PDB file of N, CA and C in Angstrom:
ATOM      1  N   MET A   1      44.915  13.196   0.700  1.00  0.00           N
ATOM      2  CA  MET A   1      43.665  13.622   1.284  1.00  0.00           C
ATOM      3  C   MET A   1      42.636  12.504   1.105  1.00  0.00           C
ATOM      4  N   ILE A   2      41.883  12.249   2.121  1.00  0.00           N
ATOM      5  CA  ILE A   2      40.826  11.242   2.074  1.00  0.00           C
ATOM      6  C   ILE A   2      39.522  11.941   1.706  1.00  0.00           C
ATOM      7  N   GLY A   3      38.861  11.385   0.698  1.00  0.00           N
ATOM      8  CA  GLY A   3      37.589  11.956   0.272  1.00  0.00           C
ATOM      9  C   GLY A   3      36.491  11.626   1.261  1.00  0.00           C
ATOM     10  N   GLY A   4      35.527  12.414   1.302  1.00  0.00           N
ATOM     11  CA  GLY A   4      34.413  12.150   2.201  1.00  0.00           C
ATOM     12  C   GLY A   4      33.237  13.029   1.864  1.00  0.00           C
ATOM     13  N   SER A   5      32.237  12.881   2.642  1.00  0.00           N
ATOM     14  CA  SER A   5      31.017  13.632   2.432  1.00  0.00           C
ATOM     15  C   SER A   5      30.702  14.427   3.681  1.00  0.00           C
ATOM     16  N   ALA A   6      30.142  15.559   3.488  1.00  0.00           N
ATOM     17  CA  ALA A   6      29.681  16.345   4.630  1.00  0.00           C
ATOM     18  C   ALA A   6      28.423  15.718   5.225  1.00  0.00           C
ATOM     19  N   TYR A   7      27.816  14.814   4.481  1.00  0.00           N
ATOM     20  CA  TYR A   7      26.600  14.155   4.965  1.00  0.00           C
ATOM     21  C   TYR A   7      26.993  12.891   5.729  1.00  0.00           C
ATOM     22  N   ASN A   8      27.193  13.021   6.992  1.00  0.00           N
ATOM     23  CA  ASN A   8      27.544  11.849   7.778  1.00  0.00           C
ATOM     24  C   ASN A   8      26.602  11.639   8.956  1.00  0.00           C
ATOM     25  N   ILE A   9      25.686  12.558   9.162  1.00  0.00           N
ATOM     26  CA  ILE A   9      24.699  12.401  10.223  1.00  0.00           C
ATOM     27  C   ILE A   9      23.341  12.716   9.621  1.00  0.00           C
ATOM     28  N   GLY A  10      22.456  11.765   9.686  1.00  0.00           N
ATOM     29  CA  GLY A  10      21.131  11.969   9.125  1.00  0.00           C
ATOM     30  C   GLY A  10      20.059  11.799  10.185  1.00  0.00           C
ATOM     31  N   THR A  11      18.904  12.244   9.873  1.00  0.00           N
ATOM     32  CA  THR A  11      17.760  12.067  10.753  1.00  0.00           C
ATOM     33  C   THR A  11      16.804  11.097  10.077  1.00  0.00           C
ATOM     34  N   PHE A  12      16.453  10.063  10.771  1.00  0.00           N
ATOM     35  CA  PHE A  12      15.575   9.021  10.264  1.00  0.00           C
ATOM     36  C   PHE A  12      14.135   9.402  10.613  1.00  0.00           C
ATOM     37  N   ILE A  13      13.470  10.132   9.698  1.00  0.00           N
ATOM     38  CA  ILE A  13      12.152  10.678  10.006  1.00  0.00           C
ATOM     39  C   ILE A  13      11.005   9.681   9.829  1.00  0.00           C
ATOM     40  N   THR A  14      11.255   8.557   9.187  1.00  0.00           N
ATOM     41  CA  THR A  14      10.151   7.642   8.887  1.00  0.00           C
ATOM     42  C   THR A  14       9.526   7.040  10.132  1.00  0.00           C
ATOM     43  N   LEU A  15      10.204   7.043  11.243  1.00  0.00           N
ATOM     44  CA  LEU A  15       9.625   6.521  12.476  1.00  0.00           C
ATOM     45  C   LEU A  15       9.169   7.638  13.416  1.00  0.00           C
ATOM     46  N   THR A  16       9.083   8.841  12.892  1.00  0.00           N
ATOM     47  CA  THR A  16       8.579   9.980  13.649  1.00  0.00           C
ATOM     48  C   THR A  16       7.068  10.034  13.443  1.00  0.00           C
ATOM     49  N   PRO A  17       6.286  10.092  14.518  1.00  0.00           N
ATOM     50  CA  PRO A  17       4.823  10.041  14.375  1.00  0.00           C
ATOM     51  C   PRO A  17       4.235  11.003  13.350  1.00  0.00           C
ATOM     52  N   LYS A  18       4.739  12.227  13.246  1.00  0.00           N
ATOM     53  CA  LYS A  18       4.118  13.173  12.308  1.00  0.00           C
ATOM     54  C   LYS A  18       4.394  12.834  10.846  1.00  0.00           C
ATOM     55  N   PHE A  19       5.364  11.984  10.575  1.00  0.00           N
ATOM     56  CA  PHE A  19       5.674  11.593   9.200  1.00  0.00           C
ATOM     57  C   PHE A  19       5.248  10.156   8.891  1.00  0.00           C
ATOM     58  N   GLU A  20       4.720   9.465   9.870  1.00  0.00           N
ATOM     59  CA  GLU A  20       4.413   8.049   9.691  1.00  0.00           C
ATOM     60  C   GLU A  20       3.472   7.772   8.515  1.00  0.00           C
ATOM     61  N   SER A  21       2.501   8.608   8.312  1.00  0.00           N
ATOM     62  CA  SER A  21       1.517   8.324   7.260  1.00  0.00           C
ATOM     63  C   SER A  21       2.102   8.394   5.855  1.00  0.00           C
ATOM     64  N   MET A  22       3.321   8.880   5.703  1.00  0.00           N
ATOM     65  CA  MET A  22       3.929   8.902   4.369  1.00  0.00           C
ATOM     66  C   MET A  22       4.378   7.506   3.938  1.00  0.00           C
ATOM     67  N   LEU A  23       4.325   6.540   4.833  1.00  0.00           N
ATOM     68  CA  LEU A  23       4.815   5.191   4.541  1.00  0.00           C
ATOM     69  C   LEU A  23       3.748   4.270   3.967  1.00  0.00           C
ATOM     70  N   GLY A  24       2.544   4.746   3.843  1.00  0.00           N
ATOM     71  CA  GLY A  24       1.482   3.913   3.297  1.00  0.00           C
ATOM     72  C   GLY A  24       0.223   4.742   3.110  1.00  0.00           C
ATOM     73  N   PHE A  25      -0.867   4.053   2.821  1.00  0.00           N
ATOM     74  CA  PHE A  25      -2.149   4.723   2.617  1.00  0.00           C
ATOM     75  C   PHE A  25      -3.018   4.569   3.854  1.00  0.00           C
ATOM     76  N   THR A  26      -3.696   5.641   4.229  1.00  0.00           N
ATOM     77  CA  THR A  26      -4.662   5.571   5.318  1.00  0.00           C
ATOM     78  C   THR A  26      -5.963   4.972   4.794  1.00  0.00           C
ATOM     79  N   GLN A  27      -6.860   4.617   5.702  1.00  0.00           N
ATOM     80  CA  GLN A  27      -8.156   4.084   5.290  1.00  0.00           C
ATOM     81  C   GLN A  27      -8.915   5.106   4.451  1.00  0.00           C
ATOM     82  N   ALA A  28      -8.869   6.363   4.847  1.00  0.00           N
ATOM     83  CA  ALA A  28      -9.568   7.411   4.085  1.00  0.00           C
ATOM     84  C   ALA A  28      -9.015   7.531   2.670  1.00  0.00           C
ATOM     85  N   GLU A  29      -7.704   7.424   2.525  1.00  0.00           N
ATOM     86  CA  GLU A  29      -7.091   7.503   1.194  1.00  0.00           C
ATOM     87  C   GLU A  29      -7.483   6.301   0.337  1.00  0.00           C
ATOM     88  N   VAL A  30      -7.522   5.121   0.932  1.00  0.00           N
ATOM     89  CA  VAL A  30      -7.932   3.916   0.192  1.00  0.00           C
ATOM     90  C   VAL A  30      -9.391   4.037  -0.235  1.00  0.00           C
ATOM     91  N   ASP A  31     -10.237   4.503   0.670  1.00  0.00           N
ATOM     92  CA  ASP A  31     -11.651   4.681   0.325  1.00  0.00           C
ATOM     93  C   ASP A  31     -11.813   5.665  -0.839  1.00  0.00           C
ATOM     94  N   ALA A  32     -11.073   6.760  -0.806  1.00  0.00           N
ATOM     95  CA  ALA A  32     -11.152   7.754  -1.884  1.00  0.00           C
ATOM     96  C   ALA A  32     -10.640   7.174  -3.207  1.00  0.00           C
ATOM     97  N   LEU A  33      -9.541   6.422  -3.153  1.00  0.00           N
ATOM     98  CA  LEU A  33      -9.017   5.774  -4.366  1.00  0.00           C
ATOM     99  C   LEU A  33     -10.050   4.827  -4.965  1.00  0.00           C
ATOM    100  N   LEU A  34     -10.648   4.005  -4.114  1.00  0.00           N
ATOM    101  CA  LEU A  34     -11.635   3.047  -4.611  1.00  0.00           C
ATOM    102  C   LEU A  34     -12.877   3.746  -5.149  1.00  0.00           C
ATOM    103  N   ASP A  35     -13.305   4.815  -4.498  1.00  0.00           N
ATOM    104  CA  ASP A  35     -14.449   5.578  -5.023  1.00  0.00           C
ATOM    105  C   ASP A  35     -14.175   6.037  -6.450  1.00  0.00           C
ATOM    106  N   GLU A  36     -12.996   6.597  -6.673  1.00  0.00           N
ATOM    107  CA  GLU A  36     -12.627   7.089  -8.005  1.00  0.00           C
ATOM    108  C   GLU A  36     -12.493   5.947  -9.007  1.00  0.00           C
ATOM    109  N   ILE A  37     -11.880   4.864  -8.593  1.00  0.00           N
ATOM    110  CA  ILE A  37     -11.681   3.723  -9.495  1.00  0.00           C
ATOM    111  C   ILE A  37     -13.023   3.141  -9.923  1.00  0.00           C
ATOM    112  N   TYR A  38     -13.912   2.924  -8.968  1.00  0.00           N
ATOM    113  CA  TYR A  38     -15.225   2.360  -9.311  1.00  0.00           C
ATOM    114  C   TYR A  38     -15.982   3.282 -10.260  1.00  0.00           C
ATOM    115  N   LEU A  39     -15.867   4.571 -10.051  1.00  0.00           N
ATOM    116  CA  LEU A  39     -16.549   5.533 -10.911  1.00  0.00           C
ATOM    117  C   LEU A  39     -15.890   5.623 -12.286  1.00  0.00           C
ATOM    118  N   ASP A  40     -14.581   5.869 -12.311  1.00  0.00           N
ATOM    119  CA  ASP A  40     -13.870   6.082 -13.577  1.00  0.00           C
ATOM    120  C   ASP A  40     -13.823   4.846 -14.468  1.00  0.00           C
ATOM    121  N   TYR A  41     -13.695   3.677 -13.861  1.00  0.00           N
ATOM    122  CA  TYR A  41     -13.564   2.439 -14.645  1.00  0.00           C
ATOM    123  C   TYR A  41     -14.881   1.676 -14.767  1.00  0.00           C
ATOM    124  N   LYS A  42     -15.943   2.286 -14.241  1.00  0.00           N
ATOM    125  CA  LYS A  42     -17.286   1.693 -14.345  1.00  0.00           C
ATOM    126  C   LYS A  42     -17.308   0.233 -13.893  1.00  0.00           C
ATOM    127  N   ILE A  43     -16.769   0.014 -12.711  1.00  0.00           N
ATOM    128  CA  ILE A  43     -16.720  -1.326 -12.130  1.00  0.00           C
ATOM    129  C   ILE A  43     -17.994  -1.558 -11.337  1.00  0.00           C
ATOM    130  N   ASP A  44     -18.536  -2.747 -11.441  1.00  0.00           N
ATOM    131  CA  ASP A  44     -19.771  -3.125 -10.759  1.00  0.00           C
ATOM    132  C   ASP A  44     -19.627  -2.886  -9.253  1.00  0.00           C
ATOM    133  N   SER A  45     -20.460  -2.007  -8.718  1.00  0.00           N
ATOM    134  CA  SER A  45     -20.359  -1.633  -7.299  1.00  0.00           C
ATOM    135  C   SER A  45     -20.698  -2.774  -6.349  1.00  0.00           C
ATOM    136  N   SER A  46     -21.339  -3.834  -6.849  1.00  0.00           N
ATOM    137  CA  SER A  46     -21.646  -4.965  -5.966  1.00  0.00           C
ATOM    138  C   SER A  46     -20.376  -5.704  -5.513  1.00  0.00           C
ATOM    139  N   THR A  47     -19.266  -5.461  -6.200  1.00  0.00           N
ATOM    140  CA  THR A  47     -18.004  -6.104  -5.810  1.00  0.00           C
ATOM    141  C   THR A  47     -17.273  -5.338  -4.703  1.00  0.00           C
ATOM    142  N   ARG A  48     -17.723  -4.138  -4.401  1.00  0.00           N
ATOM    143  CA  ARG A  48     -17.015  -3.274  -3.452  1.00  0.00           C
ATOM    144  C   ARG A  48     -16.850  -3.910  -2.062  1.00  0.00           C
ATOM    145  N   PRO A  49     -17.871  -4.502  -1.457  1.00  0.00           N
ATOM    146  CA  PRO A  49     -17.659  -5.109  -0.130  1.00  0.00           C
ATOM    147  C   PRO A  49     -16.582  -6.205  -0.148  1.00  0.00           C
ATOM    148  N   THR A  50     -16.561  -6.995  -1.188  1.00  0.00           N
ATOM    149  CA  THR A  50     -15.551  -8.057  -1.312  1.00  0.00           C
ATOM    150  C   THR A  50     -14.156  -7.455  -1.447  1.00  0.00           C
ATOM    151  N   VAL A  51     -14.039  -6.453  -2.291  1.00  0.00           N
ATOM    152  CA  VAL A  51     -12.741  -5.789  -2.491  1.00  0.00           C
ATOM    153  C   VAL A  51     -12.292  -5.117  -1.199  1.00  0.00           C
ATOM    154  N   ASN A  52     -13.189  -4.402  -0.536  1.00  0.00           N
ATOM    155  CA  ASN A  52     -12.837  -3.757   0.740  1.00  0.00           C
ATOM    156  C   ASN A  52     -12.313  -4.774   1.748  1.00  0.00           C
ATOM    157  N   HIS A  53     -13.026  -5.860   1.902  1.00  0.00           N
ATOM    158  CA  HIS A  53     -12.637  -6.898   2.863  1.00  0.00           C
ATOM    159  C   HIS A  53     -11.280  -7.506   2.491  1.00  0.00           C
ATOM    160  N   LEU A  54     -11.108  -7.820   1.238  1.00  0.00           N
ATOM    161  CA  LEU A  54      -9.868  -8.459   0.786  1.00  0.00           C
ATOM    162  C   LEU A  54      -8.654  -7.563   1.014  1.00  0.00           C
ATOM    163  N   ILE A  55      -8.737  -6.316   0.579  1.00  0.00           N
ATOM    164  CA  ILE A  55      -7.556  -5.464   0.733  1.00  0.00           C
ATOM    165  C   ILE A  55      -7.311  -5.108   2.195  1.00  0.00           C
ATOM    166  N   LYS A  56      -8.351  -5.027   2.994  1.00  0.00           N
ATOM    167  CA  LYS A  56      -8.164  -4.777   4.434  1.00  0.00           C
ATOM    168  C   LYS A  56      -7.409  -5.946   5.058  1.00  0.00           C
ATOM    169  N   ASN A  57      -7.788  -7.156   4.701  1.00  0.00           N
ATOM    170  CA  ASN A  57      -7.130  -8.348   5.252  1.00  0.00           C
ATOM    171  C   ASN A  57      -5.720  -8.544   4.723  1.00  0.00           C
ATOM    172  N   GLN A  58      -5.467  -8.178   3.489  1.00  0.00           N
ATOM    173  CA  GLN A  58      -4.182  -8.455   2.861  1.00  0.00           C
ATOM    174  C   GLN A  58      -3.152  -7.342   3.015  1.00  0.00           C
ATOM    175  N   TYR A  59      -3.579  -6.091   2.988  1.00  0.00           N
ATOM    176  CA  TYR A  59      -2.633  -4.992   2.853  1.00  0.00           C
ATOM    177  C   TYR A  59      -2.633  -3.989   4.000  1.00  0.00           C
ATOM    178  N   ASP A  60      -3.538  -4.126   4.964  1.00  0.00           N
ATOM    179  CA  ASP A  60      -3.639  -3.168   6.060  1.00  0.00           C
ATOM    180  C   ASP A  60      -2.999  -3.739   7.321  1.00  0.00           C
ATOM    181  N   GLY A  61      -2.635  -2.857   8.215  1.00  0.00           N
ATOM    182  CA  GLY A  61      -2.158  -3.295   9.516  1.00  0.00           C
ATOM    183  C   GLY A  61      -0.765  -2.838   9.878  1.00  0.00           C
ATOM    184  N   TYR A  62      -0.162  -2.008   9.057  1.00  0.00           N
ATOM    185  CA  TYR A  62       1.201  -1.556   9.331  1.00  0.00           C
ATOM    186  C   TYR A  62       1.171  -0.370  10.295  1.00  0.00           C
ATOM    187  N   ARG A  63       1.964  -0.481  11.343  1.00  0.00           N
ATOM    188  CA  ARG A  63       2.143   0.607  12.309  1.00  0.00           C
ATOM    189  C   ARG A  63       3.632   0.717  12.559  1.00  0.00           C
ATOM    190  N   PHE A  64       4.150   1.918  12.460  1.00  0.00           N
ATOM    191  CA  PHE A  64       5.589   2.115  12.567  1.00  0.00           C
ATOM    192  C   PHE A  64       6.011   2.773  13.869  1.00  0.00           C
ATOM    193  N   THR A  65       5.058   3.334  14.591  1.00  0.00           N
ATOM    194  CA  THR A  65       5.369   3.914  15.896  1.00  0.00           C
ATOM    195  C   THR A  65       4.293   3.486  16.885  1.00  0.00           C
ATOM    196  N   GLN A  66       4.623   3.518  18.151  1.00  0.00           N
ATOM    197  CA  GLN A  66       3.641   3.159  19.177  1.00  0.00           C
ATOM    198  C   GLN A  66       2.533   4.197  19.281  1.00  0.00           C
ATOM    199  N   GLU A  67       2.814   5.394  18.818  1.00  0.00           N
ATOM    200  CA  GLU A  67       1.836   6.471  18.886  1.00  0.00           C
ATOM    201  C   GLU A  67       0.873   6.475  17.698  1.00  0.00           C
ATOM    202  N   SER A  68       0.946   5.487  16.853  1.00  0.00           N
ATOM    203  CA  SER A  68       0.121   5.440  15.643  1.00  0.00           C
ATOM    204  C   SER A  68      -1.352   5.625  15.959  1.00  0.00           C
ATOM    205  N   ARG A  69      -1.971   6.508  15.202  1.00  0.00           N
ATOM    206  CA  ARG A  69      -3.402   6.713  15.357  1.00  0.00           C
ATOM    207  C   ARG A  69      -4.200   5.697  14.545  1.00  0.00           C
ATOM    208  N   GLU A  70      -3.621   5.250  13.448  1.00  0.00           N
ATOM    209  CA  GLU A  70      -4.295   4.247  12.622  1.00  0.00           C
ATOM    210  C   GLU A  70      -3.251   3.441  11.864  1.00  0.00           C
ATOM    211  N   SER A  71      -3.646   2.272  11.459  1.00  0.00           N
ATOM    212  CA  SER A  71      -2.729   1.443  10.680  1.00  0.00           C
ATOM    213  C   SER A  71      -2.741   1.908   9.232  1.00  0.00           C
ATOM    214  N   LEU A  72      -1.705   1.521   8.508  1.00  0.00           N
ATOM    215  CA  LEU A  72      -1.542   1.943   7.123  1.00  0.00           C
ATOM    216  C   LEU A  72      -1.589   0.742   6.189  1.00  0.00           C
ATOM    217  N   TYR A  73      -2.020   0.997   4.969  1.00  0.00           N
ATOM    218  CA  TYR A  73      -1.989  -0.010   3.921  1.00  0.00           C
ATOM    219  C   TYR A  73      -0.614   0.008   3.268  1.00  0.00           C
ATOM    220  N   ASN A  74      -0.088  -1.161   2.978  1.00  0.00           N
ATOM    221  CA  ASN A  74       1.198  -1.278   2.283  1.00  0.00           C
ATOM    222  C   ASN A  74       1.028  -0.709   0.879  1.00  0.00           C
ATOM    223  N   SER A  75       1.761   0.350   0.585  1.00  0.00           N
ATOM    224  CA  SER A  75       1.565   1.055  -0.684  1.00  0.00           C
ATOM    225  C   SER A  75       1.996   0.245  -1.894  1.00  0.00           C
ATOM    226  N   THR A  76       3.070  -0.512  -1.788  1.00  0.00           N
ATOM    227  CA  THR A  76       3.578  -1.269  -2.937  1.00  0.00           C
ATOM    228  C   THR A  76       2.587  -2.324  -3.392  1.00  0.00           C
ATOM    229  N   ILE A  77       2.122  -3.144  -2.478  1.00  0.00           N
ATOM    230  CA  ILE A  77       1.235  -4.225  -2.906  1.00  0.00           C
ATOM    231  C   ILE A  77      -0.193  -3.743  -3.136  1.00  0.00           C
ATOM    232  N   LEU A  78      -0.603  -2.678  -2.437  1.00  0.00           N
ATOM    233  CA  LEU A  78      -1.922  -2.115  -2.721  1.00  0.00           C
ATOM    234  C   LEU A  78      -1.961  -1.533  -4.127  1.00  0.00           C
ATOM    235  N   LEU A  79      -0.925  -0.810  -4.517  1.00  0.00           N
ATOM    236  CA  LEU A  79      -0.898  -0.248  -5.874  1.00  0.00           C
ATOM    237  C   LEU A  79      -0.836  -1.339  -6.939  1.00  0.00           C
ATOM    238  N   TYR A  80      -0.134  -2.430  -6.653  1.00  0.00           N
ATOM    239  CA  TYR A  80      -0.153  -3.573  -7.572  1.00  0.00           C
ATOM    240  C   TYR A  80      -1.596  -4.042  -7.760  1.00  0.00           C
ATOM    241  N   PHE A  81      -2.317  -4.239  -6.654  1.00  0.00           N
ATOM    242  CA  PHE A  81      -3.705  -4.692  -6.703  1.00  0.00           C
ATOM    243  C   PHE A  81      -4.560  -3.698  -7.494  1.00  0.00           C
ATOM    244  N   LEU A  82      -4.451  -2.414  -7.162  1.00  0.00           N
ATOM    245  CA  LEU A  82      -5.295  -1.410  -7.813  1.00  0.00           C
ATOM    246  C   LEU A  82      -4.997  -1.277  -9.303  1.00  0.00           C
ATOM    247  N   ASN A  83      -3.735  -1.374  -9.682  1.00  0.00           N
ATOM    248  CA  ASN A  83      -3.397  -1.333 -11.114  1.00  0.00           C
ATOM    249  C   ASN A  83      -4.033  -2.498 -11.853  1.00  0.00           C
ATOM    250  N   TRP A  84      -3.939  -3.678 -11.279  1.00  0.00           N
ATOM    251  CA  TRP A  84      -4.555  -4.869 -11.892  1.00  0.00           C
ATOM    252  C   TRP A  84      -6.071  -4.685 -11.961  1.00  0.00           C
ATOM    253  N   PHE A  85      -6.643  -4.238 -10.857  1.00  0.00           N
ATOM    254  CA  PHE A  85      -8.089  -4.068 -10.761  1.00  0.00           C
ATOM    255  C   PHE A  85      -8.595  -3.074 -11.803  1.00  0.00           C
ATOM    256  N   CYS A  86      -7.869  -1.991 -12.013  1.00  0.00           N
ATOM    257  CA  CYS A  86      -8.251  -1.011 -13.040  1.00  0.00           C
ATOM    258  C   CYS A  86      -8.135  -1.609 -14.443  1.00  0.00           C
ATOM    259  N   GLU A  87      -7.065  -2.315 -14.682  1.00  0.00           N
ATOM    260  CA  GLU A  87      -6.804  -2.874 -16.010  1.00  0.00           C
ATOM    261  C   GLU A  87      -7.790  -3.980 -16.378  1.00  0.00           C
ATOM    262  N   TYR A  88      -8.051  -4.890 -15.455  1.00  0.00           N
ATOM    263  CA  TYR A  88      -8.838  -6.090 -15.774  1.00  0.00           C
ATOM    264  C   TYR A  88     -10.213  -6.135 -15.117  1.00  0.00           C
ATOM    265  N   LYS A  89     -10.480  -5.161 -14.228  1.00  0.00           N
ATOM    266  CA  LYS A  89     -11.773  -5.087 -13.527  1.00  0.00           C
ATOM    267  C   LYS A  89     -12.104  -6.372 -12.775  1.00  0.00           C
ATOM    268  N   THR A  90     -11.082  -6.988 -12.263  1.00  0.00           N
ATOM    269  CA  THR A  90     -11.235  -8.203 -11.477  1.00  0.00           C
ATOM    270  C   THR A  90     -10.120  -8.270 -10.435  1.00  0.00           C
ATOM    271  N   ILE A  91     -10.319  -9.073  -9.436  1.00  0.00           N
ATOM    272  CA  ILE A  91      -9.312  -9.258  -8.394  1.00  0.00           C
ATOM    273  C   ILE A  91      -8.178 -10.110  -8.968  1.00  0.00           C
ATOM    274  N   PRO A  92      -6.931  -9.691  -8.769  1.00  0.00           N
ATOM    275  CA  PRO A  92      -5.823 -10.488  -9.316  1.00  0.00           C
ATOM    276  C   PRO A  92      -5.715 -11.865  -8.652  1.00  0.00           C
ATOM    277  N   ARG A  93      -5.299 -12.826  -9.425  1.00  0.00           N
ATOM    278  CA  ARG A  93      -5.114 -14.187  -8.902  1.00  0.00           C
ATOM    279  C   ARG A  93      -4.053 -14.205  -7.807  1.00  0.00           C
ATOM    280  N   HIS A  94      -2.961 -13.505  -8.049  1.00  0.00           N
ATOM    281  CA  HIS A  94      -1.891 -13.375  -7.059  1.00  0.00           C
ATOM    282  C   HIS A  94      -2.067 -12.030  -6.373  1.00  0.00           C
ATOM    283  N   LEU A  95      -2.232 -12.033  -5.080  1.00  0.00           N
ATOM    284  CA  LEU A  95      -2.489 -10.798  -4.356  1.00  0.00           C
ATOM    285  C   LEU A  95      -1.225  -9.999  -4.076  1.00  0.00           C
ATOM    286  N   THR A  96      -0.088 -10.578  -4.350  1.00  0.00           N
ATOM    287  CA  THR A  96       1.196  -9.885  -4.249  1.00  0.00           C
ATOM    288  C   THR A  96       1.888 -10.004  -5.593  1.00  0.00           C
ATOM    289  N   ASP A  97       2.462  -8.922  -6.041  1.00  0.00           N
ATOM    290  CA  ASP A  97       3.211  -8.912  -7.296  1.00  0.00           C
ATOM    291  C   ASP A  97       4.309  -9.971  -7.214  1.00  0.00           C
ATOM    292  N   LEU A  98       4.324 -10.889  -8.150  1.00  0.00           N
ATOM    293  CA  LEU A  98       5.319 -11.969  -8.123  1.00  0.00           C
ATOM    294  C   LEU A  98       6.744 -11.437  -8.236  1.00  0.00           C
ATOM    295  N   ASN A  99       6.921 -10.231  -8.755  1.00  0.00           N
ATOM    296  CA  ASN A  99       8.254  -9.633  -8.823  1.00  0.00           C
ATOM    297  C   ASN A  99       8.822  -9.323  -7.444  1.00  0.00           C
ATOM    298  N   LEU A 100       7.955  -9.276  -6.429  1.00  0.00           N
ATOM    299  CA  LEU A 100       8.418  -8.984  -5.072  1.00  0.00           C
ATOM    300  C   LEU A 100       8.940 -10.227  -4.353  1.00  0.00           C
ATOM    301  N   LYS A 101       8.662 -11.365  -4.898  1.00  0.00           N
ATOM    302  CA  LYS A 101       9.111 -12.604  -4.264  1.00  0.00           C
ATOM    303  C   LYS A 101      10.574 -12.859  -4.595  1.00  0.00           C
ATOM    304  N   THR A 102      11.339 -13.234  -3.607  1.00  0.00           N
ATOM    305  CA  THR A 102      12.764 -13.441  -3.819  1.00  0.00           C
ATOM    306  C   THR A 102      13.054 -14.809  -4.394  1.00  0.00           C
ATOM    307  N   ASP A 103      12.127 -15.714  -4.291  1.00  0.00           N
ATOM    308  CA  ASP A 103      12.331 -17.077  -4.775  1.00  0.00           C
ATOM    309  C   ASP A 103      10.995 -17.594  -5.287  1.00  0.00           C
ATOM    310  N   ILE A 104      10.943 -18.040  -6.513  1.00  0.00           N
ATOM    311  CA  ILE A 104       9.698 -18.495  -7.131  1.00  0.00           C
ATOM    312  C   ILE A 104       9.055 -19.646  -6.361  1.00  0.00           C
ATOM    313  N   TYR A 105       9.835 -20.405  -5.610  1.00  0.00           N
ATOM    314  CA  TYR A 105       9.299 -21.534  -4.840  1.00  0.00           C
ATOM    315  C   TYR A 105       8.819 -21.121  -3.474  1.00  0.00           C
ATOM    316  N   TRP A 106       8.858 -19.824  -3.186  1.00  0.00           N
ATOM    317  CA  TRP A 106       8.471 -19.312  -1.885  1.00  0.00           C
ATOM    318  C   TRP A 106       7.000 -19.551  -1.587  1.00  0.00           C
ATOM    319  N   PHE A 107       6.146 -19.491  -2.600  1.00  0.00           N
ATOM    320  CA  PHE A 107       4.706 -19.618  -2.339  1.00  0.00           C
ATOM    321  C   PHE A 107       4.245 -21.021  -2.356  1.00  0.00           C
TER     322      PHE A 107
END
């Protein structure tokens, strides 16, 4: 007898418009995260325009379907940035986690 799985046909929902937003953060979610971070970590609010601009330029712009209503922020690298920002209250020197690079000479 040949072993097998009953799971041989799947549905790829990540490219379905109603599930697209699960692949990243919306602008509203990023704004809410930053509001909480600035408040909870007592970060100087004068840095907010710079942070907003930087993360918009670096981490936003992902669209997975043609029907996308808005672009999404890359969750992996945005969370790297936010974790650093909470810990050190400054913008990280490397805007992408170096662990994500496949080759140290890539940059």
